[in-house]
Amino acid sequence: MLQKLKLKVCGMRDAENISRLSQLKPDYIGFIFYPQSKRYADNLDSDALQALPSSIKKTGVFVNAGLKEITERIEKFKLDAVQLHGQESPEFCMQLKPYNVELIKAFGINNEFDFSSLESFESIIDYYLFDTKTELHGGSGKTFDWTVLDRYTLNKPYFLSGGLSAENIKEIKSINDSRLFALDLNSRFELQPGLKDIEKLTAVFNEIKIPV
């Protein structure tokens, strides 16, 4: 099953690091436009993004941002996907539909998470993203109990996030779920916030993308 999974690397902002990552051909690269994040892409080089292969989906990550801010980033950086990581409503998500971007709605998961809260988004968004519930809106480096996903009953495919690492990536094999669409790699693959360890990512990409 691992070879079928898409790979997203999130929290990128350094032009050279982005270029090196692109050679691994991830399916998505995420850029965080949330000022409180340690990986805030405040000085993102638009030329570096435009140099990316068209096969890589440029993904903007937002937390409770206004529609104007999001749409300006879509246009400036030619984003292919938008990931909403705050308390955005289904009605707000609907306002982004005309911009022809993939919509990813993130939710922080813990053992008490109510999966019925996802139902109102299902007809609007393209994917859910399940991350570990923290006050940081992602990037915590912590995993959640993946068995909680047994309570997820909708058909919408999802990204799995939250503390994925070279050490626990093989455990993904224990998740026998055809709705698992992609893995979201971030803080456990960093030399420092916003700067990825390409060698460590290469090893994981080879394990997942290259059939044995």
C-alpha atoms as a PDB file:
ATOM      1  CA  MET A   1       0.000   0.000   0.000  1.00  0.00           C
ATOM      2  CA  LEU A   2       2.868   2.394   0.744  1.00  0.00           C
ATOM      3  CA  GLN A   3       3.828   2.775  -2.910  1.00  0.00           C
ATOM      4  CA  LYS A   4       0.343   4.129  -3.697  1.00  0.00           C
ATOM      5  CA  LEU A   5       0.558   6.962  -1.202  1.00  0.00           C
ATOM      6  CA  LYS A   6       1.146  10.554  -2.254  1.00  0.00           C
ATOM      7  CA  LEU A   7       3.785  12.538  -0.370  1.00  0.00           C
ATOM      8  CA  LYS A   8       3.523  16.104   0.855  1.00  0.00           C
ATOM      9  CA  VAL A   9       6.408  17.976   2.455  1.00  0.00           C
ATOM     10  CA  CYS A  10       5.219  20.981   4.417  1.00  0.00           C
ATOM     11  CA  GLY A  11       6.830  24.016   5.988  1.00  0.00           C
ATOM     12  CA  MET A  12       9.172  24.980   3.156  1.00  0.00           C
ATOM     13  CA  ARG A  13      10.489  28.532   2.649  1.00  0.00           C
ATOM     14  CA  ASP A  14      14.169  28.504   1.607  1.00  0.00           C
ATOM     15  CA  ALA A  15      14.631  28.740  -2.186  1.00  0.00           C
ATOM     16  CA  GLU A  16      17.626  26.399  -2.397  1.00  0.00           C
ATOM     17  CA  ASN A  17      15.998  23.896  -0.049  1.00  0.00           C
ATOM     18  CA  ILE A  18      12.822  24.006  -2.156  1.00  0.00           C
ATOM     19  CA  SER A  19      14.854  23.370  -5.307  1.00  0.00           C
ATOM     20  CA  ARG A  20      16.639  20.370  -3.791  1.00  0.00           C
ATOM     21  CA  LEU A  21      13.366  18.955  -2.487  1.00  0.00           C
ATOM     22  CA  SER A  22      11.773  19.283  -5.924  1.00  0.00           C
ATOM     23  CA  GLN A  23      14.308  16.790  -7.289  1.00  0.00           C
ATOM     24  CA  LEU A  24      12.652  14.134  -5.107  1.00  0.00           C
ATOM     25  CA  LYS A  25       9.375  14.850  -6.913  1.00  0.00           C
ATOM     26  CA  PRO A  26       7.004  15.126  -3.973  1.00  0.00           C
ATOM     27  CA  ASP A  27       3.348  15.301  -4.951  1.00  0.00           C
ATOM     28  CA  TYR A  28       2.728  18.392  -2.799  1.00  0.00           C
ATOM     29  CA  ILE A  29       4.931  21.065  -1.233  1.00  0.00           C
ATOM     30  CA  GLY A  30       3.381  23.129   1.552  1.00  0.00           C
ATOM     31  CA  PHE A  31       4.099  26.777   2.346  1.00  0.00           C
ATOM     32  CA  ILE A  32       2.805  28.076   5.664  1.00  0.00           C
ATOM     33  CA  PHE A  33       1.237  31.533   5.568  1.00  0.00           C
ATOM     34  CA  TYR A  34       0.532  31.734   9.291  1.00  0.00           C
ATOM     35  CA  PRO A  35       2.566  34.426  11.082  1.00  0.00           C
ATOM     36  CA  GLN A  36       2.635  32.543  14.402  1.00  0.00           C
ATOM     37  CA  SER A  37       4.288  29.505  12.822  1.00  0.00           C
ATOM     38  CA  LYS A  38       8.032  28.909  13.168  1.00  0.00           C
ATOM     39  CA  ARG A  39       7.877  27.993   9.480  1.00  0.00           C
ATOM     40  CA  TYR A  40       6.091  31.139   8.333  1.00  0.00           C
ATOM     41  CA  ALA A  41       6.922  31.752   4.674  1.00  0.00           C
ATOM     42  CA  ASP A  42       6.997  35.532   4.955  1.00  0.00           C
ATOM     43  CA  ASN A  43       9.734  36.093   2.352  1.00  0.00           C
ATOM     44  CA  LEU A  44       8.898  33.315  -0.056  1.00  0.00           C
ATOM     45  CA  ASP A  45      10.623  33.595  -3.429  1.00  0.00           C
ATOM     46  CA  SER A  46       7.866  33.412  -6.061  1.00  0.00           C
ATOM     47  CA  ASP A  47      10.440  32.622  -8.759  1.00  0.00           C
ATOM     48  CA  ALA A  48      11.490  29.510  -6.839  1.00  0.00           C
ATOM     49  CA  LEU A  49       7.881  28.363  -6.812  1.00  0.00           C
ATOM     50  CA  GLN A  50       7.362  29.019 -10.498  1.00  0.00           C
ATOM     51  CA  ALA A  51      10.450  26.911 -11.257  1.00  0.00           C
ATOM     52  CA  LEU A  52       8.823  23.855  -9.695  1.00  0.00           C
ATOM     53  CA  PRO A  53       7.682  21.066 -12.025  1.00  0.00           C
ATOM     54  CA  SER A  54       3.972  21.180 -12.807  1.00  0.00           C
ATOM     55  CA  SER A  55       3.589  17.730 -11.238  1.00  0.00           C
ATOM     56  CA  ILE A  56       4.233  19.244  -7.786  1.00  0.00           C
ATOM     57  CA  LYS A  57       1.169  20.884  -6.296  1.00  0.00           C
ATOM     58  CA  LYS A  58       2.035  24.145  -4.562  1.00  0.00           C
ATOM     59  CA  THR A  59       0.001  24.225  -1.372  1.00  0.00           C
ATOM     60  CA  GLY A  60      -0.693  27.273   0.769  1.00  0.00           C
ATOM     61  CA  VAL A  61      -1.397  26.578   4.443  1.00  0.00           C
ATOM     62  CA  PHE A  62      -3.607  29.096   6.268  1.00  0.00           C
ATOM     63  CA  VAL A  63      -5.017  29.410   9.785  1.00  0.00           C
ATOM     64  CA  ASN A  64      -8.192  31.485  10.097  1.00  0.00           C
ATOM     65  CA  ALA A  65      -7.040  33.854   7.343  1.00  0.00           C
ATOM     66  CA  GLY A  66      -9.442  36.129   5.500  1.00  0.00           C
ATOM     67  CA  LEU A  67     -10.676  35.368   2.010  1.00  0.00           C
ATOM     68  CA  LYS A  68      -8.770  38.323   0.542  1.00  0.00           C
ATOM     69  CA  GLU A  69      -5.449  37.180   2.003  1.00  0.00           C
ATOM     70  CA  ILE A  70      -5.905  33.632   0.741  1.00  0.00           C
ATOM     71  CA  THR A  71      -6.954  34.621  -2.766  1.00  0.00           C
ATOM     72  CA  GLU A  72      -4.072  37.081  -3.057  1.00  0.00           C
ATOM     73  CA  ARG A  73      -1.627  34.297  -2.175  1.00  0.00           C
ATOM     74  CA  ILE A  74      -3.302  31.965  -4.675  1.00  0.00           C
ATOM     75  CA  GLU A  75      -2.770  34.504  -7.429  1.00  0.00           C
ATOM     76  CA  LYS A  76       0.724  35.621  -6.406  1.00  0.00           C
ATOM     77  CA  PHE A  77       2.206  32.157  -6.030  1.00  0.00           C
ATOM     78  CA  LYS A  78      -0.051  30.300  -8.487  1.00  0.00           C
ATOM     79  CA  LEU A  79      -1.104  27.893  -5.773  1.00  0.00           C
ATOM     80  CA  ASP A  80      -2.620  24.560  -6.772  1.00  0.00           C
ATOM     81  CA  ALA A  81      -4.045  23.698  -3.360  1.00  0.00           C
ATOM     82  CA  VAL A  82      -5.147  25.461  -0.191  1.00  0.00           C
ATOM     83  CA  GLN A  83      -4.962  23.816   3.229  1.00  0.00           C
ATOM     84  CA  LEU A  84      -7.149  25.367   5.920  1.00  0.00           C
ATOM     85  CA  HIS A  85      -5.853  24.611   9.397  1.00  0.00           C
ATOM     86  CA  GLY A  86      -8.106  26.748  11.602  1.00  0.00           C
ATOM     87  CA  GLN A  87     -11.794  27.009  12.456  1.00  0.00           C
ATOM     88  CA  GLU A  88     -12.895  27.745   8.902  1.00  0.00           C
ATOM     89  CA  SER A  89     -16.574  26.947   8.255  1.00  0.00           C
ATOM     90  CA  PRO A  90     -18.045  24.994   5.332  1.00  0.00           C
ATOM     91  CA  GLU A  91     -19.474  28.295   4.093  1.00  0.00           C
ATOM     92  CA  PHE A  92     -16.017  29.852   4.068  1.00  0.00           C
ATOM     93  CA  CYS A  93     -14.588  26.863   2.197  1.00  0.00           C
ATOM     94  CA  MET A  94     -17.331  27.240  -0.390  1.00  0.00           C
ATOM     95  CA  GLN A  95     -16.133  30.770  -1.165  1.00  0.00           C
ATOM     96  CA  LEU A  96     -12.829  29.330  -2.394  1.00  0.00           C
ATOM     97  CA  LYS A  97     -14.411  26.971  -4.915  1.00  0.00           C
ATOM     98  CA  PRO A  98     -14.294  29.477  -7.824  1.00  0.00           C
ATOM     99  CA  TYR A  99     -10.499  29.692  -7.565  1.00  0.00           C
ATOM    100  CA  ASN A 100      -9.973  26.159  -8.901  1.00  0.00           C
ATOM    101  CA  VAL A 101      -7.629  24.979  -6.174  1.00  0.00           C
ATOM    102  CA  GLU A 102      -7.747  21.707  -4.300  1.00  0.00           C
ATOM    103  CA  LEU A 103      -9.234  22.286  -0.860  1.00  0.00           C
ATOM    104  CA  ILE A 104      -7.726  20.441   2.094  1.00  0.00           C
ATOM    105  CA  LYS A 105      -9.431  20.936   5.470  1.00  0.00           C
ATOM    106  CA  ALA A 106      -7.253  20.030   8.445  1.00  0.00           C
ATOM    107  CA  PHE A 107      -8.526  18.826  11.801  1.00  0.00           C
ATOM    108  CA  GLY A 108      -6.656  18.233  15.038  1.00  0.00           C
ATOM    109  CA  ILE A 109      -7.358  14.704  16.233  1.00  0.00           C
ATOM    110  CA  ASN A 110      -7.333  13.269  19.730  1.00  0.00           C
ATOM    111  CA  ASN A 111      -9.139  10.353  21.370  1.00  0.00           C
ATOM    112  CA  GLU A 112     -12.241  12.465  21.961  1.00  0.00           C
ATOM    113  CA  PHE A 113     -12.554  13.822  18.418  1.00  0.00           C
ATOM    114  CA  ASP A 114     -16.112  13.841  17.050  1.00  0.00           C
ATOM    115  CA  PHE A 115     -15.881  12.629  13.457  1.00  0.00           C
ATOM    116  CA  SER A 116     -19.483  13.627  12.793  1.00  0.00           C
ATOM    117  CA  SER A 117     -18.222  17.235  12.707  1.00  0.00           C
ATOM    118  CA  LEU A 118     -16.659  16.463   9.318  1.00  0.00           C
ATOM    119  CA  GLU A 119     -19.914  15.702   7.545  1.00  0.00           C
ATOM    120  CA  SER A 120     -20.795  19.286   6.641  1.00  0.00           C
ATOM    121  CA  PHE A 121     -17.493  19.674   4.749  1.00  0.00           C
ATOM    122  CA  GLU A 122     -17.617  16.476   2.725  1.00  0.00           C
ATOM    123  CA  SER A 123     -19.356  17.816  -0.393  1.00  0.00           C
ATOM    124  CA  ILE A 124     -17.204  20.977  -0.478  1.00  0.00           C
ATOM    125  CA  ILE A 125     -13.593  20.000   0.093  1.00  0.00           C
ATOM    126  CA  ASP A 126     -11.326  17.575  -1.772  1.00  0.00           C
ATOM    127  CA  TYR A 127      -9.456  16.058   1.169  1.00  0.00           C
ATOM    128  CA  TYR A 128      -9.351  16.043   4.931  1.00  0.00           C
ATOM    129  CA  LEU A 129      -6.038  16.259   6.762  1.00  0.00           C
ATOM    130  CA  PHE A 130      -5.827  14.576  10.146  1.00  0.00           C
ATOM    131  CA  ASP A 131      -3.156  16.044  12.414  1.00  0.00           C
ATOM    132  CA  THR A 132      -2.368  15.761  16.111  1.00  0.00           C
ATOM    133  CA  LYS A 133      -4.535  18.136  18.144  1.00  0.00           C
ATOM    134  CA  THR A 134      -2.365  20.851  19.715  1.00  0.00           C
ATOM    135  CA  GLU A 135      -2.520  24.605  20.183  1.00  0.00           C
ATOM    136  CA  LEU A 136       0.141  25.005  17.482  1.00  0.00           C
ATOM    137  CA  HIS A 137      -2.102  24.256  14.462  1.00  0.00           C
ATOM    138  CA  GLY A 138       0.350  21.624  13.238  1.00  0.00           C
ATOM    139  CA  GLY A 139       4.104  21.166  13.206  1.00  0.00           C
ATOM    140  CA  SER A 140       4.169  19.799  16.736  1.00  0.00           C
ATOM    141  CA  GLY A 141       6.143  16.668  15.852  1.00  0.00           C
ATOM    142  CA  LYS A 142       3.683  14.609  17.898  1.00  0.00           C
ATOM    143  CA  THR A 143       1.656  11.655  16.658  1.00  0.00           C
ATOM    144  CA  PHE A 144      -1.892  10.783  17.635  1.00  0.00           C
ATOM    145  CA  ASP A 145      -3.357   7.319  18.202  1.00  0.00           C
ATOM    146  CA  TRP A 146      -4.026   6.152  14.650  1.00  0.00           C
ATOM    147  CA  THR A 147      -6.576   3.587  15.847  1.00  0.00           C
ATOM    148  CA  VAL A 148      -8.920   6.555  16.390  1.00  0.00           C
ATOM    149  CA  LEU A 149      -9.290   6.604  12.600  1.00  0.00           C
ATOM    150  CA  ASP A 150     -11.364   3.437  12.908  1.00  0.00           C
ATOM    151  CA  ARG A 151     -14.203   5.786  13.850  1.00  0.00           C
ATOM    152  CA  TYR A 152     -13.918   7.708  10.576  1.00  0.00           C
ATOM    153  CA  THR A 153     -16.847   6.526   8.444  1.00  0.00           C
ATOM    154  CA  LEU A 154     -16.979   9.002   5.539  1.00  0.00           C
ATOM    155  CA  ASN A 155     -15.709   8.263   2.034  1.00  0.00           C
ATOM    156  CA  LYS A 156     -13.553  11.351   1.591  1.00  0.00           C
ATOM    157  CA  PRO A 157      -9.805  10.553   1.244  1.00  0.00           C
ATOM    158  CA  TYR A 158      -7.399  12.106   3.727  1.00  0.00           C
ATOM    159  CA  PHE A 159      -3.823  13.184   4.391  1.00  0.00           C
ATOM    160  CA  LEU A 160      -2.183  11.780   7.528  1.00  0.00           C
ATOM    161  CA  SER A 161      -0.046  14.240   9.466  1.00  0.00           C
ATOM    162  CA  GLY A 162       1.414  14.673  12.932  1.00  0.00           C
ATOM    163  CA  GLY A 163       4.866  13.477  13.894  1.00  0.00           C
ATOM    164  CA  LEU A 164       5.511  11.245  10.900  1.00  0.00           C
ATOM    165  CA  SER A 165       9.174  10.286  10.925  1.00  0.00           C
ATOM    166  CA  ALA A 166      11.703   7.919   9.396  1.00  0.00           C
ATOM    167  CA  GLU A 167      11.276   5.791  12.520  1.00  0.00           C
ATOM    168  CA  ASN A 168       7.499   5.351  12.431  1.00  0.00           C
ATOM    169  CA  ILE A 169       6.797   5.540   8.707  1.00  0.00           C
ATOM    170  CA  LYS A 170       6.770   1.745   8.367  1.00  0.00           C
ATOM    171  CA  GLU A 171       3.951   1.588  10.895  1.00  0.00           C
ATOM    172  CA  ILE A 172       1.738   3.206   8.260  1.00  0.00           C
ATOM    173  CA  LYS A 173       1.460  -0.293   6.838  1.00  0.00           C
ATOM    174  CA  SER A 174      -0.759  -1.137   9.797  1.00  0.00           C
ATOM    175  CA  ILE A 175      -3.370   1.339   8.544  1.00  0.00           C
ATOM    176  CA  ASN A 176      -5.399  -0.749   6.131  1.00  0.00           C
ATOM    177  CA  ASP A 177      -7.544   2.064   4.753  1.00  0.00           C
ATOM    178  CA  SER A 178      -8.033   2.809   1.064  1.00  0.00           C
ATOM    179  CA  ARG A 179      -9.055   6.379   1.990  1.00  0.00           C
ATOM    180  CA  LEU A 180      -5.532   7.158   3.200  1.00  0.00           C
ATOM    181  CA  PHE A 181      -4.384   9.330   0.298  1.00  0.00           C
ATOM    182  CA  ALA A 182      -1.162  11.031   1.347  1.00  0.00           C
ATOM    183  CA  LEU A 183       1.444  11.426   4.072  1.00  0.00           C
ATOM    184  CA  ASP A 184       2.338  14.915   5.282  1.00  0.00           C
ATOM    185  CA  LEU A 185       5.989  15.200   6.331  1.00  0.00           C
ATOM    186  CA  ASN A 186       7.247  18.178   8.291  1.00  0.00           C
ATOM    187  CA  SER A 187       9.026  18.774  11.585  1.00  0.00           C
ATOM    188  CA  ARG A 188      10.654  15.347  12.043  1.00  0.00           C
ATOM    189  CA  PHE A 189      12.585  15.878   8.802  1.00  0.00           C
ATOM    190  CA  GLU A 190      14.138  19.237   9.653  1.00  0.00           C
ATOM    191  CA  LEU A 191      17.610  20.572  10.337  1.00  0.00           C
ATOM    192  CA  GLN A 192      15.873  23.622  11.790  1.00  0.00           C
ATOM    193  CA  PRO A 193      12.331  25.031  11.438  1.00  0.00           C
ATOM    194  CA  GLY A 194      11.647  25.615   7.744  1.00  0.00           C
ATOM    195  CA  LEU A 195      14.825  23.864   6.532  1.00  0.00           C
ATOM    196  CA  LYS A 196      14.445  20.206   5.559  1.00  0.00           C
ATOM    197  CA  ASP A 197      17.017  17.429   5.786  1.00  0.00           C
ATOM    198  CA  ILE A 198      17.016  16.306   2.153  1.00  0.00           C
ATOM    199  CA  GLU A 199      19.064  13.174   2.861  1.00  0.00           C
ATOM    200  CA  LYS A 200      16.574  11.984   5.470  1.00  0.00           C
ATOM    201  CA  LEU A 201      13.678  12.738   3.128  1.00  0.00           C
ATOM    202  CA  THR A 202      15.424  10.904   0.290  1.00  0.00           C
ATOM    203  CA  ALA A 203      15.580   7.716   2.328  1.00  0.00           C
ATOM    204  CA  VAL A 204      11.872   7.846   3.127  1.00  0.00           C
ATOM    205  CA  PHE A 205      10.911   8.754  -0.433  1.00  0.00           C
ATOM    206  CA  ASN A 206      12.870   5.777  -1.714  1.00  0.00           C
ATOM    207  CA  GLU A 207      11.159   3.472   0.739  1.00  0.00           C
ATOM    208  CA  ILE A 208       7.668   4.661  -0.142  1.00  0.00           C
ATOM    209  CA  LYS A 209       7.915   5.486  -3.824  1.00  0.00           C
ATOM    210  CA  ILE A 210      10.190   2.744  -5.125  1.00  0.00           C
ATOM    211  CA  PRO A 211       8.551  -0.729  -5.133  1.00  0.00           C
ATOM    212  CA  VAL A 212      10.623  -3.446  -3.525  1.00  0.00           C
END
